[in-house]
Amino acid sequence: MKIKTNITEFLEFINDNQAIPNGAWIEDEEFLLDDVSISYDDLVTITRDSKAGITILCGDVRFEPELERDAEELTVCFRRWRKSRNTEYITFAVGKDSAQAIKDAIKKLGGKLI
């Protein structure tokens, strides 16, 4: 099952040692970047501040034998990681006349604009 996210959240995921520990790798993966197919190698070179949308279509996370973990579907691993986080990434569109008020409200609530 595919998962939609953004580049910032995805890069946090793959750089989180709890989700993808040293000795683990991703293979047989398929991604869409703003609805265009992109390789993992190209995906990880995109700037962290990009607002690009990513769809994880499929893939597997493989682990070195000494980690004593079976391979997992990338989407399952990502979903579990996302549930364990205490933050949520939200992407939305608003009219320009409302944008500043919404940005101010997010900051007032302790949120971070990316």
C-alpha atoms as a PDB file:
ATOM      1  CA  MET A   1       0.000   0.000   0.000  1.00  0.00           C
ATOM      2  CA  LYS A   2       1.437   3.363  -0.986  1.00  0.00           C
ATOM      3  CA  ILE A   3       2.165   6.171   1.465  1.00  0.00           C
ATOM      4  CA  LYS A   4       2.284   9.896   0.768  1.00  0.00           C
ATOM      5  CA  THR A   5       4.726  12.114   2.611  1.00  0.00           C
ATOM      6  CA  ASN A   6       7.094  15.000   1.901  1.00  0.00           C
ATOM      7  CA  ILE A   7      10.850  15.177   1.421  1.00  0.00           C
ATOM      8  CA  THR A   8      11.524  16.525   4.919  1.00  0.00           C
ATOM      9  CA  GLU A   9       9.692  13.699   6.678  1.00  0.00           C
ATOM     10  CA  PHE A  10      11.150  11.045   4.379  1.00  0.00           C
ATOM     11  CA  LEU A  11      14.723  12.229   4.953  1.00  0.00           C
ATOM     12  CA  GLU A  12      14.136  12.201   8.714  1.00  0.00           C
ATOM     13  CA  PHE A  13      12.905   8.624   8.412  1.00  0.00           C
ATOM     14  CA  ILE A  14      15.859   7.285   6.455  1.00  0.00           C
ATOM     15  CA  ASN A  15      18.321   9.107   8.720  1.00  0.00           C
ATOM     16  CA  ASP A  16      16.721   7.815  11.940  1.00  0.00           C
ATOM     17  CA  ASN A  17      18.934   5.027  13.264  1.00  0.00           C
ATOM     18  CA  GLN A  18      15.939   3.437  14.992  1.00  0.00           C
ATOM     19  CA  ALA A  19      14.053   3.082  11.708  1.00  0.00           C
ATOM     20  CA  ILE A  20      16.936   2.311   9.330  1.00  0.00           C
ATOM     21  CA  PRO A  21      19.890   1.262  11.526  1.00  0.00           C
ATOM     22  CA  ASN A  22      23.489   0.921  10.373  1.00  0.00           C
ATOM     23  CA  GLY A  23      23.640  -2.396   8.574  1.00  0.00           C
ATOM     24  CA  ALA A  24      20.255  -1.907   6.906  1.00  0.00           C
ATOM     25  CA  TRP A  25      19.456  -0.863   3.367  1.00  0.00           C
ATOM     26  CA  ILE A  26      16.484  -0.273   1.094  1.00  0.00           C
ATOM     27  CA  GLU A  27      16.019  -2.248  -2.123  1.00  0.00           C
ATOM     28  CA  ASP A  28      13.411  -2.911  -4.828  1.00  0.00           C
ATOM     29  CA  GLU A  29      11.985   0.516  -4.058  1.00  0.00           C
ATOM     30  CA  GLU A  30       9.722   2.680  -6.170  1.00  0.00           C
ATOM     31  CA  PHE A  31       8.996   6.334  -5.447  1.00  0.00           C
ATOM     32  CA  LEU A  32       7.124   9.171  -7.050  1.00  0.00           C
ATOM     33  CA  LEU A  33       8.311  12.736  -6.557  1.00  0.00           C
ATOM     34  CA  ASP A  34       5.458  15.085  -7.377  1.00  0.00           C
ATOM     35  CA  ASP A  35       3.928  12.206  -9.412  1.00  0.00           C
ATOM     36  CA  VAL A  36       7.124  11.528 -11.416  1.00  0.00           C
ATOM     37  CA  SER A  37       9.123   8.324 -10.938  1.00  0.00           C
ATOM     38  CA  ILE A  38      12.445   8.917  -9.144  1.00  0.00           C
ATOM     39  CA  SER A  39      15.225   6.644  -7.939  1.00  0.00           C
ATOM     40  CA  TYR A  40      16.222   6.381  -4.296  1.00  0.00           C
ATOM     41  CA  ASP A  41      19.703   7.678  -5.139  1.00  0.00           C
ATOM     42  CA  ASP A  42      18.232  10.822  -6.705  1.00  0.00           C
ATOM     43  CA  LEU A  43      15.675  11.207  -3.945  1.00  0.00           C
ATOM     44  CA  VAL A  44      18.215  11.369  -1.121  1.00  0.00           C
ATOM     45  CA  THR A  45      20.159  14.146  -2.862  1.00  0.00           C
ATOM     46  CA  ILE A  46      17.216  16.576  -2.812  1.00  0.00           C
ATOM     47  CA  THR A  47      17.535  19.463  -0.414  1.00  0.00           C
ATOM     48  CA  ARG A  48      15.856  18.931   2.948  1.00  0.00           C
ATOM     49  CA  ASP A  49      13.905  22.186   2.621  1.00  0.00           C
ATOM     50  CA  SER A  50      12.174  21.085  -0.550  1.00  0.00           C
ATOM     51  CA  LYS A  51       8.395  21.066  -0.317  1.00  0.00           C
ATOM     52  CA  ALA A  52       8.163  18.230  -2.833  1.00  0.00           C
ATOM     53  CA  GLY A  53       5.601  15.516  -2.242  1.00  0.00           C
ATOM     54  CA  ILE A  54       6.783  11.906  -2.210  1.00  0.00           C
ATOM     55  CA  THR A  55       4.792   8.736  -2.654  1.00  0.00           C
ATOM     56  CA  ILE A  56       6.392   5.523  -1.424  1.00  0.00           C
ATOM     57  CA  LEU A  57       5.006   2.854  -3.743  1.00  0.00           C
ATOM     58  CA  CYS A  58       6.969  -0.189  -2.579  1.00  0.00           C
ATOM     59  CA  GLY A  59      10.333  -1.451  -1.410  1.00  0.00           C
ATOM     60  CA  ASP A  60      11.977  -3.598   1.218  1.00  0.00           C
ATOM     61  CA  VAL A  61      14.209  -2.789   4.164  1.00  0.00           C
ATOM     62  CA  ARG A  62      16.902  -5.464   4.492  1.00  0.00           C
ATOM     63  CA  PHE A  63      19.095  -5.993   7.548  1.00  0.00           C
ATOM     64  CA  GLU A  64      22.550  -7.474   8.044  1.00  0.00           C
ATOM     65  CA  PRO A  65      22.335 -10.925   9.714  1.00  0.00           C
ATOM     66  CA  GLU A  66      23.916  -9.675  12.950  1.00  0.00           C
ATOM     67  CA  LEU A  67      20.946  -7.311  13.454  1.00  0.00           C
ATOM     68  CA  GLU A  68      18.719 -10.402  13.762  1.00  0.00           C
ATOM     69  CA  ARG A  69      15.770  -8.793  11.977  1.00  0.00           C
ATOM     70  CA  ASP A  70      13.797 -10.103   9.052  1.00  0.00           C
ATOM     71  CA  ALA A  71      13.261  -7.966   5.975  1.00  0.00           C
ATOM     72  CA  GLU A  72      10.293  -5.596   6.198  1.00  0.00           C
ATOM     73  CA  GLU A  73       8.229  -3.800   3.625  1.00  0.00           C
ATOM     74  CA  LEU A  74       9.366  -0.196   3.381  1.00  0.00           C
ATOM     75  CA  THR A  75       5.814   1.095   3.768  1.00  0.00           C
ATOM     76  CA  VAL A  76       5.291  -0.970   6.939  1.00  0.00           C
ATOM     77  CA  CYS A  77       8.578   0.268   8.401  1.00  0.00           C
ATOM     78  CA  PHE A  78       7.714   3.884   7.522  1.00  0.00           C
ATOM     79  CA  ARG A  79       4.193   3.638   8.965  1.00  0.00           C
ATOM     80  CA  ARG A  80       5.526   2.193  12.263  1.00  0.00           C
ATOM     81  CA  TRP A  81       8.171   4.946  12.463  1.00  0.00           C
ATOM     82  CA  ARG A  82       5.567   7.633  11.767  1.00  0.00           C
ATOM     83  CA  LYS A  83       3.280   6.311  14.545  1.00  0.00           C
ATOM     84  CA  SER A  84       6.170   6.368  17.021  1.00  0.00           C
ATOM     85  CA  ARG A  85       6.846  10.073  16.409  1.00  0.00           C
ATOM     86  CA  ASN A  86       5.302  12.820  18.479  1.00  0.00           C
ATOM     87  CA  THR A  87       5.189  15.193  15.521  1.00  0.00           C
ATOM     88  CA  GLU A  88       3.135  15.254  12.364  1.00  0.00           C
ATOM     89  CA  TYR A  89       3.918  16.838   9.030  1.00  0.00           C
ATOM     90  CA  ILE A  90       1.041  18.643   7.371  1.00  0.00           C
ATOM     91  CA  THR A  91       1.003  20.090   3.877  1.00  0.00           C
ATOM     92  CA  PHE A  92      -1.937  22.246   2.832  1.00  0.00           C
ATOM     93  CA  ALA A  93      -2.940  25.112   0.596  1.00  0.00           C
ATOM     94  CA  VAL A  94      -4.636  28.336   1.710  1.00  0.00           C
ATOM     95  CA  GLY A  95      -5.506  31.617   0.097  1.00  0.00           C
ATOM     96  CA  LYS A  96      -2.735  34.193   0.176  1.00  0.00           C
ATOM     97  CA  ASP A  97      -4.883  36.502   2.277  1.00  0.00           C
ATOM     98  CA  SER A  98      -5.067  33.845   5.057  1.00  0.00           C
ATOM     99  CA  ALA A  99      -1.510  32.542   4.854  1.00  0.00           C
ATOM    100  CA  GLN A 100       0.149  34.857   7.364  1.00  0.00           C
ATOM    101  CA  ALA A 101      -2.578  34.354   9.978  1.00  0.00           C
ATOM    102  CA  ILE A 102      -2.200  30.574   9.679  1.00  0.00           C
ATOM    103  CA  LYS A 103       1.605  30.782   9.882  1.00  0.00           C
ATOM    104  CA  ASP A 104       1.318  32.908  13.024  1.00  0.00           C
ATOM    105  CA  ALA A 105      -1.147  30.464  14.592  1.00  0.00           C
ATOM    106  CA  ILE A 106       1.147  27.503  13.866  1.00  0.00           C
ATOM    107  CA  LYS A 107       4.096  29.284  15.475  1.00  0.00           C
ATOM    108  CA  LYS A 108       1.975  30.305  18.477  1.00  0.00           C
ATOM    109  CA  LEU A 109       1.026  26.661  19.020  1.00  0.00           C
ATOM    110  CA  GLY A 110       4.702  25.667  19.007  1.00  0.00           C
ATOM    111  CA  GLY A 111       4.763  24.361  15.451  1.00  0.00           C
ATOM    112  CA  LYS A 112       7.595  24.805  13.000  1.00  0.00           C
ATOM    113  CA  LEU A 113       7.209  26.009   9.433  1.00  0.00           C
ATOM    114  CA  ILE A 114       9.393  24.104   7.014  1.00  0.00           C
END
